[in-house]
Amino acid sequence: MIRRLDKLIQRIKRNKEILLYLLFGGLTTLVNLASYAASAYIFNLDYKISTTIAWIVSVLFAYFTNKRYVFNSRQSSLLKLGREIFSFFSFRAISYVLDIVTMILLVDFLLVNDFVSKVIANILVVVFNYVASKLFIFRK
């Protein structure tokens, strides 16, 4: 029993970054979906505008949580911090294009419900964002 528990603890330590990314990625997704739902259904905004608002809110949330809790990035100089911020928002801009194009394809062309489309788009975006964050933005 103790040996199994020890193995589990070691596995968690080895995969800590991925587990934290899944946790905060999940929270970011919830922020994105809640922002989208509020914009689209409470304020009755077009799905494209709602997607943009949700992207802005969730990207700000994601930057601070990824930097602090997932990748433990503590840049030592203002220049390195500037590069990190520029990289983060540049890659997130690419994920915005992926998000909005997916939404347009699903909603306008395939006639999928907008919220279902938003969930599908978020799955694609989360995978893209993890790879970009790991390989390019918060690399050690």
N, C-alpha and C. Protein backbone atom coordinates (compact mmCIF):
# COMPACT_ATOMS: atom_id res chain seq x y z
N MET A 1 0.82 -1.19 0.00
CA MET A 1 0.00 0.00 0.00
C MET A 1 0.87 1.26 0.00
N ILE A 2 1.86 1.29 0.86
CA ILE A 2 2.75 2.46 0.93
C ILE A 2 3.58 2.57 -0.34
N ARG A 3 3.97 1.45 -0.89
CA ARG A 3 4.74 1.45 -2.13
C ARG A 3 3.91 2.02 -3.28
N ARG A 4 2.63 1.66 -3.34
CA ARG A 4 1.74 2.20 -4.38
C ARG A 4 1.56 3.70 -4.21
N LEU A 5 1.39 4.11 -2.97
CA LEU A 5 1.24 5.53 -2.68
C LEU A 5 2.50 6.30 -3.07
N ASP A 6 3.64 5.70 -2.79
CA ASP A 6 4.92 6.30 -3.15
C ASP A 6 5.04 6.45 -4.68
N LYS A 7 4.64 5.41 -5.41
CA LYS A 7 4.68 5.46 -6.87
C LYS A 7 3.75 6.55 -7.41
N LEU A 8 2.57 6.66 -6.81
CA LEU A 8 1.61 7.69 -7.22
C LEU A 8 2.19 9.08 -6.99
N ILE A 9 2.80 9.29 -5.85
CA ILE A 9 3.42 10.59 -5.54
C ILE A 9 4.53 10.91 -6.53
N GLN A 10 5.34 9.93 -6.86
CA GLN A 10 6.42 10.14 -7.83
C GLN A 10 5.86 10.46 -9.21
N ARG A 11 4.79 9.78 -9.59
CA ARG A 11 4.17 10.04 -10.89
C ARG A 11 3.59 11.45 -10.94
N ILE A 12 2.97 11.89 -9.86
CA ILE A 12 2.43 13.24 -9.79
C ILE A 12 3.55 14.26 -9.90
N LYS A 13 4.66 14.03 -9.20
CA LYS A 13 5.80 14.96 -9.26
C LYS A 13 6.36 15.05 -10.68
N ARG A 14 6.45 13.90 -11.36
CA ARG A 14 6.98 13.89 -12.73
C ARG A 14 6.05 14.62 -13.69
N ASN A 15 4.76 14.55 -13.44
CA ASN A 15 3.77 15.14 -14.35
C ASN A 15 3.13 16.40 -13.78
N LYS A 16 3.77 17.01 -12.82
CA LYS A 16 3.21 18.17 -12.13
C LYS A 16 2.83 19.29 -13.11
N GLU A 17 3.72 19.58 -14.03
CA GLU A 17 3.47 20.67 -14.97
C GLU A 17 2.23 20.40 -15.82
N ILE A 18 2.12 19.19 -16.33
CA ILE A 18 0.96 18.85 -17.16
C ILE A 18 -0.32 18.89 -16.34
N LEU A 19 -0.26 18.36 -15.12
CA LEU A 19 -1.45 18.37 -14.26
C LEU A 19 -1.87 19.80 -13.92
N LEU A 20 -0.88 20.66 -13.61
CA LEU A 20 -1.21 22.06 -13.33
C LEU A 20 -1.75 22.76 -14.57
N TYR A 21 -1.17 22.44 -15.73
CA TYR A 21 -1.69 23.04 -16.96
C TYR A 21 -3.13 22.59 -17.21
N LEU A 22 -3.41 21.32 -16.96
CA LEU A 22 -4.78 20.84 -17.13
C LEU A 22 -5.73 21.54 -16.17
N LEU A 23 -5.29 21.73 -14.92
CA LEU A 23 -6.12 22.43 -13.94
C LEU A 23 -6.38 23.88 -14.37
N PHE A 24 -5.30 24.62 -14.64
CA PHE A 24 -5.47 26.02 -15.00
C PHE A 24 -6.00 26.20 -16.42
N GLY A 25 -5.68 25.25 -17.30
CA GLY A 25 -6.29 25.27 -18.63
C GLY A 25 -7.79 25.04 -18.53
N GLY A 26 -8.19 24.15 -17.62
CA GLY A 26 -9.61 23.93 -17.38
C GLY A 26 -10.29 25.17 -16.82
N LEU A 27 -9.62 25.82 -15.88
CA LEU A 27 -10.17 27.06 -15.32
C LEU A 27 -10.24 28.16 -16.38
N THR A 28 -9.20 28.24 -17.21
CA THR A 28 -9.21 29.23 -18.29
C THR A 28 -10.35 28.94 -19.26
N THR A 29 -10.59 27.67 -19.54
CA THR A 29 -11.70 27.29 -20.41
C THR A 29 -13.04 27.70 -19.79
N LEU A 30 -13.17 27.50 -18.48
CA LEU A 30 -14.39 27.93 -17.80
C LEU A 30 -14.57 29.44 -17.87
N VAL A 31 -13.47 30.18 -17.68
CA VAL A 31 -13.51 31.64 -17.80
C VAL A 31 -13.94 32.02 -19.22
N ASN A 32 -13.37 31.33 -20.21
CA ASN A 32 -13.70 31.60 -21.60
C ASN A 32 -15.18 31.32 -21.89
N LEU A 33 -15.64 30.16 -21.46
CA LEU A 33 -17.04 29.79 -21.73
C LEU A 33 -18.01 30.69 -20.98
N ALA A 34 -17.68 31.04 -19.74
CA ALA A 34 -18.56 31.92 -18.96
C ALA A 34 -18.60 33.31 -19.58
N SER A 35 -17.45 33.81 -20.01
CA SER A 35 -17.40 35.12 -20.67
C SER A 35 -18.20 35.10 -21.98
N TYR A 36 -18.04 34.00 -22.72
CA TYR A 36 -18.78 33.86 -23.97
C TYR A 36 -20.28 33.83 -23.70
N ALA A 37 -20.70 33.01 -22.74
CA ALA A 37 -22.13 32.87 -22.44
C ALA A 37 -22.72 34.21 -21.98
N ALA A 38 -21.98 34.93 -21.13
CA ALA A 38 -22.48 36.23 -20.65
C ALA A 38 -22.63 37.20 -21.83
N SER A 39 -21.61 37.24 -22.68
CA SER A 39 -21.65 38.16 -23.83
C SER A 39 -22.76 37.79 -24.81
N ALA A 40 -22.87 36.51 -25.11
CA ALA A 40 -23.83 36.06 -26.14
C ALA A 40 -25.26 36.00 -25.63
N TYR A 41 -25.44 35.53 -24.40
CA TYR A 41 -26.80 35.25 -23.95
C TYR A 41 -27.38 36.29 -22.99
N ILE A 42 -26.52 36.96 -22.24
CA ILE A 42 -27.03 38.01 -21.35
C ILE A 42 -27.06 39.36 -22.08
N PHE A 43 -25.94 39.65 -22.78
CA PHE A 43 -25.86 40.93 -23.48
C PHE A 43 -26.27 40.84 -24.95
N ASN A 44 -26.63 39.64 -25.40
CA ASN A 44 -27.12 39.40 -26.76
C ASN A 44 -26.18 39.91 -27.85
N LEU A 45 -24.89 39.71 -27.66
CA LEU A 45 -23.91 40.11 -28.67
C LEU A 45 -23.72 38.99 -29.69
N ASP A 46 -23.32 39.36 -30.89
CA ASP A 46 -23.03 38.39 -31.94
C ASP A 46 -21.97 37.40 -31.46
N TYR A 47 -22.01 36.17 -31.94
CA TYR A 47 -21.08 35.15 -31.47
C TYR A 47 -19.62 35.51 -31.76
N LYS A 48 -19.36 36.26 -32.83
CA LYS A 48 -17.98 36.65 -33.13
C LYS A 48 -17.46 37.68 -32.11
N ILE A 49 -18.30 38.62 -31.76
CA ILE A 49 -17.93 39.62 -30.73
C ILE A 49 -17.79 38.92 -29.38
N SER A 50 -18.70 38.02 -29.08
CA SER A 50 -18.64 37.27 -27.82
C SER A 50 -17.37 36.42 -27.74
N THR A 51 -16.99 35.83 -28.86
CA THR A 51 -15.75 35.04 -28.91
C THR A 51 -14.55 35.93 -28.64
N THR A 52 -14.55 37.12 -29.19
CA THR A 52 -13.44 38.06 -28.99
C THR A 52 -13.35 38.51 -27.54
N ILE A 53 -14.47 38.84 -26.95
CA ILE A 53 -14.49 39.25 -25.54
C ILE A 53 -14.01 38.10 -24.65
N ALA A 54 -14.51 36.91 -24.91
CA ALA A 54 -14.11 35.74 -24.13
C ALA A 54 -12.62 35.47 -24.28
N TRP A 55 -12.08 35.67 -25.47
CA TRP A 55 -10.66 35.47 -25.71
C TRP A 55 -9.84 36.45 -24.87
N ILE A 56 -10.19 37.72 -24.89
CA ILE A 56 -9.44 38.74 -24.14
C ILE A 56 -9.44 38.41 -22.65
N VAL A 57 -10.59 38.14 -22.09
CA VAL A 57 -10.69 37.85 -20.65
C VAL A 57 -9.90 36.60 -20.29
N SER A 58 -10.05 35.55 -21.08
CA SER A 58 -9.38 34.29 -20.75
C SER A 58 -7.87 34.35 -20.98
N VAL A 59 -7.42 35.12 -21.95
CA VAL A 59 -5.97 35.24 -22.19
C VAL A 59 -5.30 35.97 -21.02
N LEU A 60 -5.94 37.00 -20.52
CA LEU A 60 -5.38 37.68 -19.35
C LEU A 60 -5.30 36.74 -18.15
N PHE A 61 -6.37 35.99 -17.92
CA PHE A 61 -6.38 35.00 -16.84
C PHE A 61 -5.28 33.96 -17.06
N ALA A 62 -5.17 33.45 -18.27
CA ALA A 62 -4.20 32.41 -18.59
C ALA A 62 -2.76 32.88 -18.43
N TYR A 63 -2.48 34.12 -18.83
CA TYR A 63 -1.10 34.60 -18.71
C TYR A 63 -0.64 34.55 -17.26
N PHE A 64 -1.42 35.11 -16.38
CA PHE A 64 -1.00 35.18 -14.99
C PHE A 64 -0.96 33.81 -14.31
N THR A 65 -1.91 32.94 -14.61
CA THR A 65 -1.90 31.62 -13.98
C THR A 65 -0.80 30.72 -14.56
N ASN A 66 -0.60 30.78 -15.88
CA ASN A 66 0.47 29.98 -16.48
C ASN A 66 1.83 30.43 -16.01
N LYS A 67 2.03 31.72 -16.00
CA LYS A 67 3.32 32.28 -15.59
C LYS A 67 3.64 31.89 -14.15
N ARG A 68 2.68 32.08 -13.28
CA ARG A 68 2.92 31.92 -11.85
C ARG A 68 2.85 30.47 -11.38
N TYR A 69 1.82 29.75 -11.78
CA TYR A 69 1.56 28.44 -11.18
C TYR A 69 1.98 27.25 -12.04
N VAL A 70 1.90 27.37 -13.35
CA VAL A 70 2.19 26.21 -14.20
C VAL A 70 3.67 26.14 -14.54
N PHE A 71 4.21 27.22 -15.08
CA PHE A 71 5.58 27.20 -15.57
C PHE A 71 6.57 27.88 -14.64
N ASN A 72 6.08 28.43 -13.52
CA ASN A 72 6.93 29.10 -12.53
C ASN A 72 7.95 30.03 -13.17
N SER A 73 7.50 30.85 -14.06
CA SER A 73 8.40 31.76 -14.77
C SER A 73 8.64 33.00 -13.92
N ARG A 74 9.90 33.24 -13.65
CA ARG A 74 10.31 34.42 -12.90
C ARG A 74 11.46 35.08 -13.66
N GLN A 75 11.09 35.91 -14.60
CA GLN A 75 12.10 36.54 -15.45
C GLN A 75 12.95 37.51 -14.63
N SER A 76 14.26 37.47 -14.90
CA SER A 76 15.20 38.26 -14.11
C SER A 76 15.40 39.67 -14.65
N SER A 77 15.01 39.91 -15.88
CA SER A 77 15.20 41.25 -16.44
C SER A 77 13.94 41.72 -17.14
N LEU A 78 13.85 43.02 -17.29
CA LEU A 78 12.70 43.61 -17.95
C LEU A 78 12.64 43.18 -19.42
N LEU A 79 13.80 43.07 -20.05
CA LEU A 79 13.85 42.64 -21.46
C LEU A 79 13.30 41.22 -21.62
N LYS A 80 13.72 40.30 -20.74
CA LYS A 80 13.23 38.92 -20.82
C LYS A 80 11.73 38.85 -20.52
N LEU A 81 11.28 39.65 -19.57
CA LEU A 81 9.85 39.70 -19.27
C LEU A 81 9.08 40.22 -20.48
N GLY A 82 9.60 41.25 -21.13
CA GLY A 82 8.97 41.80 -22.33
C GLY A 82 8.87 40.77 -23.43
N ARG A 83 9.93 40.00 -23.63
CA ARG A 83 9.91 38.94 -24.64
C ARG A 83 8.87 37.87 -24.30
N GLU A 84 8.82 37.51 -23.02
CA GLU A 84 7.86 36.51 -22.58
C GLU A 84 6.43 36.98 -22.83
N ILE A 85 6.14 38.21 -22.45
CA ILE A 85 4.79 38.76 -22.66
C ILE A 85 4.46 38.83 -24.15
N PHE A 86 5.43 39.33 -24.95
CA PHE A 86 5.21 39.42 -26.39
C PHE A 86 4.95 38.03 -26.98
N SER A 87 5.76 37.05 -26.59
CA SER A 87 5.59 35.68 -27.09
C SER A 87 4.24 35.11 -26.70
N PHE A 88 3.87 35.30 -25.43
CA PHE A 88 2.61 34.76 -24.94
C PHE A 88 1.44 35.33 -25.75
N PHE A 89 1.39 36.66 -25.86
CA PHE A 89 0.25 37.26 -26.55
C PHE A 89 0.29 37.03 -28.05
N SER A 90 1.47 36.87 -28.63
CA SER A 90 1.58 36.55 -30.06
C SER A 90 1.00 35.17 -30.34
N PHE A 91 1.40 34.18 -29.53
CA PHE A 91 0.87 32.83 -29.74
C PHE A 91 -0.61 32.77 -29.41
N ARG A 92 -1.04 33.54 -28.42
CA ARG A 92 -2.46 33.55 -28.11
C ARG A 92 -3.26 34.23 -29.23
N ALA A 93 -2.64 35.15 -29.94
CA ALA A 93 -3.30 35.76 -31.10
C ALA A 93 -3.53 34.69 -32.17
N ILE A 94 -2.56 33.80 -32.32
CA ILE A 94 -2.73 32.68 -33.26
C ILE A 94 -3.88 31.79 -32.79
N SER A 95 -3.94 31.56 -31.48
CA SER A 95 -5.03 30.73 -30.96
C SER A 95 -6.38 31.43 -31.13
N TYR A 96 -6.39 32.75 -31.11
CA TYR A 96 -7.63 33.49 -31.37
C TYR A 96 -8.10 33.22 -32.80
N VAL A 97 -7.17 33.24 -33.74
CA VAL A 97 -7.52 32.95 -35.14
C VAL A 97 -8.08 31.53 -35.25
N LEU A 98 -7.44 30.58 -34.58
CA LEU A 98 -7.94 29.21 -34.57
C LEU A 98 -9.36 29.16 -33.97
N ASP A 99 -9.57 29.89 -32.90
CA ASP A 99 -10.87 29.94 -32.21
C ASP A 99 -11.94 30.53 -33.13
N ILE A 100 -11.69 31.69 -33.68
CA ILE A 100 -12.71 32.39 -34.47
C ILE A 100 -12.99 31.67 -35.79
N VAL A 101 -11.96 31.12 -36.42
CA VAL A 101 -12.15 30.37 -37.67
C VAL A 101 -12.97 29.10 -37.41
N THR A 102 -12.66 28.42 -36.32
CA THR A 102 -13.43 27.23 -35.95
C THR A 102 -14.89 27.60 -35.71
N MET A 103 -15.10 28.70 -34.99
CA MET A 103 -16.47 29.14 -34.71
C MET A 103 -17.23 29.46 -36.01
N ILE A 104 -16.60 30.19 -36.91
CA ILE A 104 -17.25 30.56 -38.17
C ILE A 104 -17.58 29.31 -39.00
N LEU A 105 -16.61 28.40 -39.09
CA LEU A 105 -16.85 27.17 -39.86
C LEU A 105 -18.00 26.36 -39.27
N LEU A 106 -17.98 26.19 -37.97
CA LEU A 106 -19.02 25.36 -37.34
C LEU A 106 -20.38 26.04 -37.32
N VAL A 107 -20.42 27.32 -36.95
CA VAL A 107 -21.71 28.01 -36.81
C VAL A 107 -22.31 28.38 -38.16
N ASP A 108 -21.51 29.04 -39.00
CA ASP A 108 -22.06 29.56 -40.26
C ASP A 108 -22.17 28.52 -41.37
N PHE A 109 -21.21 27.60 -41.42
CA PHE A 109 -21.21 26.66 -42.54
C PHE A 109 -21.79 25.29 -42.20
N LEU A 110 -21.50 24.81 -40.99
CA LEU A 110 -22.01 23.49 -40.61
C LEU A 110 -23.25 23.57 -39.74
N LEU A 111 -23.65 24.79 -39.40
CA LEU A 111 -24.87 25.06 -38.63
C LEU A 111 -24.92 24.35 -37.28
N VAL A 112 -23.76 24.29 -36.63
CA VAL A 112 -23.67 23.71 -35.29
C VAL A 112 -24.04 24.81 -34.29
N ASN A 113 -24.72 24.44 -33.22
CA ASN A 113 -25.07 25.39 -32.16
C ASN A 113 -23.82 26.16 -31.72
N ASP A 114 -23.97 27.46 -31.47
CA ASP A 114 -22.81 28.29 -31.17
C ASP A 114 -22.08 27.87 -29.90
N PHE A 115 -22.80 27.46 -28.86
CA PHE A 115 -22.12 27.07 -27.62
C PHE A 115 -21.39 25.73 -27.79
N VAL A 116 -21.99 24.80 -28.50
CA VAL A 116 -21.32 23.54 -28.82
C VAL A 116 -20.06 23.83 -29.64
N SER A 117 -20.18 24.74 -30.59
CA SER A 117 -19.03 25.14 -31.40
C SER A 117 -17.93 25.74 -30.53
N LYS A 118 -18.34 26.53 -29.54
CA LYS A 118 -17.37 27.17 -28.64
C LYS A 118 -16.61 26.12 -27.84
N VAL A 119 -17.30 25.09 -27.39
CA VAL A 119 -16.64 24.01 -26.65
C VAL A 119 -15.64 23.29 -27.55
N ILE A 120 -16.03 22.98 -28.77
CA ILE A 120 -15.14 22.31 -29.72
C ILE A 120 -13.92 23.19 -30.02
N ALA A 121 -14.14 24.46 -30.26
CA ALA A 121 -13.04 25.39 -30.52
C ALA A 121 -12.09 25.45 -29.33
N ASN A 122 -12.64 25.43 -28.14
CA ASN A 122 -11.80 25.50 -26.94
C ASN A 122 -10.90 24.28 -26.80
N ILE A 123 -11.38 23.13 -27.17
CA ILE A 123 -10.55 21.92 -27.11
C ILE A 123 -9.32 22.09 -28.01
N LEU A 124 -9.54 22.55 -29.23
CA LEU A 124 -8.43 22.78 -30.16
C LEU A 124 -7.46 23.83 -29.61
N VAL A 125 -8.01 24.89 -29.06
CA VAL A 125 -7.20 26.01 -28.56
C VAL A 125 -6.36 25.58 -27.35
N VAL A 126 -6.93 24.79 -26.44
CA VAL A 126 -6.19 24.35 -25.25
C VAL A 126 -4.96 23.54 -25.65
N VAL A 127 -5.13 22.62 -26.59
CA VAL A 127 -4.00 21.80 -27.04
C VAL A 127 -2.94 22.69 -27.69
N PHE A 128 -3.35 23.58 -28.58
CA PHE A 128 -2.40 24.48 -29.23
C PHE A 128 -1.67 25.34 -28.19
N ASN A 129 -2.39 25.89 -27.23
CA ASN A 129 -1.79 26.77 -26.24
C ASN A 129 -0.78 26.06 -25.35
N TYR A 130 -1.05 24.81 -24.98
CA TYR A 130 -0.10 24.08 -24.16
C TYR A 130 1.22 23.88 -24.92
N VAL A 131 1.11 23.42 -26.15
CA VAL A 131 2.31 23.18 -26.95
C VAL A 131 3.10 24.49 -27.14
N ALA A 132 2.41 25.56 -27.46
CA ALA A 132 3.08 26.86 -27.64
C ALA A 132 3.72 27.34 -26.35
N SER A 133 3.02 27.20 -25.24
CA SER A 133 3.56 27.64 -23.95
C SER A 133 4.78 26.83 -23.56
N LYS A 134 4.70 25.54 -23.72
CA LYS A 134 5.79 24.65 -23.33
C LYS A 134 7.02 24.83 -24.21
N LEU A 135 6.81 24.91 -25.52
CA LEU A 135 7.95 24.92 -26.43
C LEU A 135 8.53 26.31 -26.72
N PHE A 136 7.70 27.35 -26.64
CA PHE A 136 8.16 28.66 -27.08
C PHE A 136 8.11 29.77 -26.04
N ILE A 137 7.12 29.77 -25.19
CA ILE A 137 6.91 30.93 -24.33
C ILE A 137 7.62 30.82 -22.99
N PHE A 138 7.35 29.75 -22.25
CA PHE A 138 7.89 29.60 -20.90
C PHE A 138 8.99 28.55 -20.84
N ARG A 139 9.68 28.34 -21.93
CA ARG A 139 10.73 27.31 -21.94
C ARG A 139 11.83 27.70 -20.95
N LYS A 140 12.42 26.67 -20.41
CA LYS A 140 13.45 26.90 -19.38
C LYS A 140 14.83 26.80 -19.96
